[in-house]
Protein backbone atom coordinates (compact mmCIF):
# COMPACT_ATOMS: atom_id res chain seq x y z
CA MET A 1 -11.87 27.24 -12.98
CA SER A 2 -15.70 25.92 -12.08
CA ASP A 3 -18.08 28.60 -10.41
CA ARG A 4 -19.50 25.44 -8.04
CA ILE A 5 -18.13 26.20 -4.41
CA ASP A 6 -18.32 22.24 -3.52
CA ARG A 7 -14.46 21.49 -6.05
CA CYS A 8 -12.12 19.20 -4.49
CA GLU A 9 -10.16 22.53 -3.28
CA THR A 10 -12.66 22.55 -0.86
CA CYS A 11 -13.04 19.41 -0.02
CA THR A 12 -11.74 17.99 2.93
CA TRP A 13 -11.19 14.48 1.37
CA TRP A 14 -8.62 16.18 -1.07
CA GLU A 15 -4.87 16.40 -0.23
CA ARG A 16 -3.35 19.31 -2.46
CA GLN A 17 -0.43 18.02 -3.67
CA GLY A 18 -1.00 14.40 -2.51
CA ALA A 19 0.99 11.79 -2.96
CA THR A 20 -0.59 9.11 -5.25
CA LEU A 21 1.36 6.44 -3.63
CA SER A 22 -0.63 5.76 -0.04
CA SER A 23 2.35 5.11 2.29
CA ALA A 24 4.10 8.08 0.91
CA ALA A 25 3.33 11.79 3.11
CA ARG A 26 3.03 14.53 0.24
CA ASP A 27 4.41 14.88 -3.73
CA PRO A 28 6.80 18.08 -3.62
CA GLY A 29 6.97 18.10 -7.49
CA ALA A 30 3.05 17.81 -8.13
CA ALA A 31 1.50 21.24 -9.29
CA ASP A 32 -0.24 23.62 -6.83
CA ASP A 33 -3.83 22.58 -8.36
CA VAL A 34 -3.42 18.83 -8.50
CA GLY A 35 -3.86 16.52 -5.22
CA THR A 36 -5.11 13.02 -4.16
CA CYS A 37 -8.66 12.26 -3.18
CA GLN A 38 -8.82 10.23 -0.01
CA ALA A 39 -12.34 9.58 0.43
CA TYR A 40 -12.14 6.03 0.17
CA PRO A 41 -9.42 3.36 0.67
CA PRO A 42 -6.52 3.41 -1.95
CA ASP A 43 -6.82 1.23 -4.62
CA LEU A 44 -4.80 -1.71 -5.07
CA GLN A 45 -2.38 -2.38 -7.86
CA ARG A 46 -0.28 -5.54 -8.31
CA VAL A 47 3.34 -4.72 -8.77
CA ALA A 48 6.31 -7.56 -8.86
CA PHE A 49 7.32 -7.30 -5.32
CA GLY A 50 3.14 -7.45 -4.26
CA ALA A 51 0.78 -4.84 -4.00
CA VAL A 52 0.46 -1.08 -3.22
CA GLY A 53 -2.16 1.33 -2.75
CA TYR A 54 -3.09 4.49 -4.53
CA PHE A 55 -5.04 7.14 -4.20
CA PRO A 56 -7.19 8.96 -7.49
CA VAL A 57 -5.40 12.22 -8.40
CA THR A 58 -8.11 15.05 -9.12
CA HIS A 59 -7.76 18.64 -10.39
CA ALA A 60 -8.65 21.21 -7.85
CA SER A 61 -11.19 22.37 -9.93
CA ARG A 62 -13.15 18.99 -9.79
CA PHE A 63 -16.15 18.10 -8.33
CA CYS A 64 -18.06 14.42 -6.95
CA ARG A 65 -20.85 13.32 -5.18
CA ASP A 66 -18.64 12.77 -1.99
CA TRP A 67 -17.76 16.15 -1.05
CA GLN A 68 -17.72 17.41 1.91
CA GLU A 69 -16.79 20.77 3.31
CA ARG A 70 -13.26 21.09 4.80
CA VAL A 71 -12.74 22.81 8.04
CA ASP A 72 -10.63 25.60 7.73
CA ASP A 73 -7.05 24.41 8.71
CA PRO A 74 -4.36 27.11 9.13
CA ASP A 75 -1.15 24.68 8.19
CA ASP A 76 -3.09 23.81 4.74
CA GLY A 77 -3.24 19.94 5.69
CA GLU A 78 0.25 19.79 6.99
CA ARG A 79 0.57 16.63 9.11
CA GLU A 80 1.65 17.59 12.89
CA PRO A 81 5.13 16.22 13.06
CA VAL A 82 5.69 13.52 15.82
CA PRO A 83 8.09 14.80 18.54
CA ASP A 84 11.61 12.78 18.69
CA GLY A 85 11.47 10.10 20.85
CA THR A 86 7.79 9.86 20.73
CA VAL A 87 6.13 5.95 20.43
CA VAL A 88 2.63 5.55 18.83
CA PRO A 89 1.46 2.51 19.78
CA PHE A 90 0.15 -0.27 17.44
CA ARG A 91 -3.17 -1.42 17.63
CA SER A 92 -3.26 -4.69 17.84
CA ALA A 93 -6.35 -6.82 16.99
CA ALA A 94 -5.85 -9.25 20.24
C-alpha cells in the first residue's frame, strides 16, 4: 500500500464497494479494498436496450489529481434510508 495520504480510500469521491452500474447503490460482492470513483458522471455504454452508466472501478491504494479530503462519516458512506411513506419530489425543468 502507498504511503501517500491522498489515496482513493481517503477521497470524498470514492465509494468503498460502490456499484459499477450507476443505477445501483452498492456491490456487496466487491472486495473491501475495491470501490468506484464518482468524481465525474458515469461513462455511458451502449447495450441492447439502450445505454447504461458505469463508474470506474479503482483500488483503495490508487491516487489521482482529483483527490479531495473525505469528511469523517460515522456510517462509512452508507446512504441514509428514506422513511416508508416519504415521497421525494422529482425536480422538473418547468
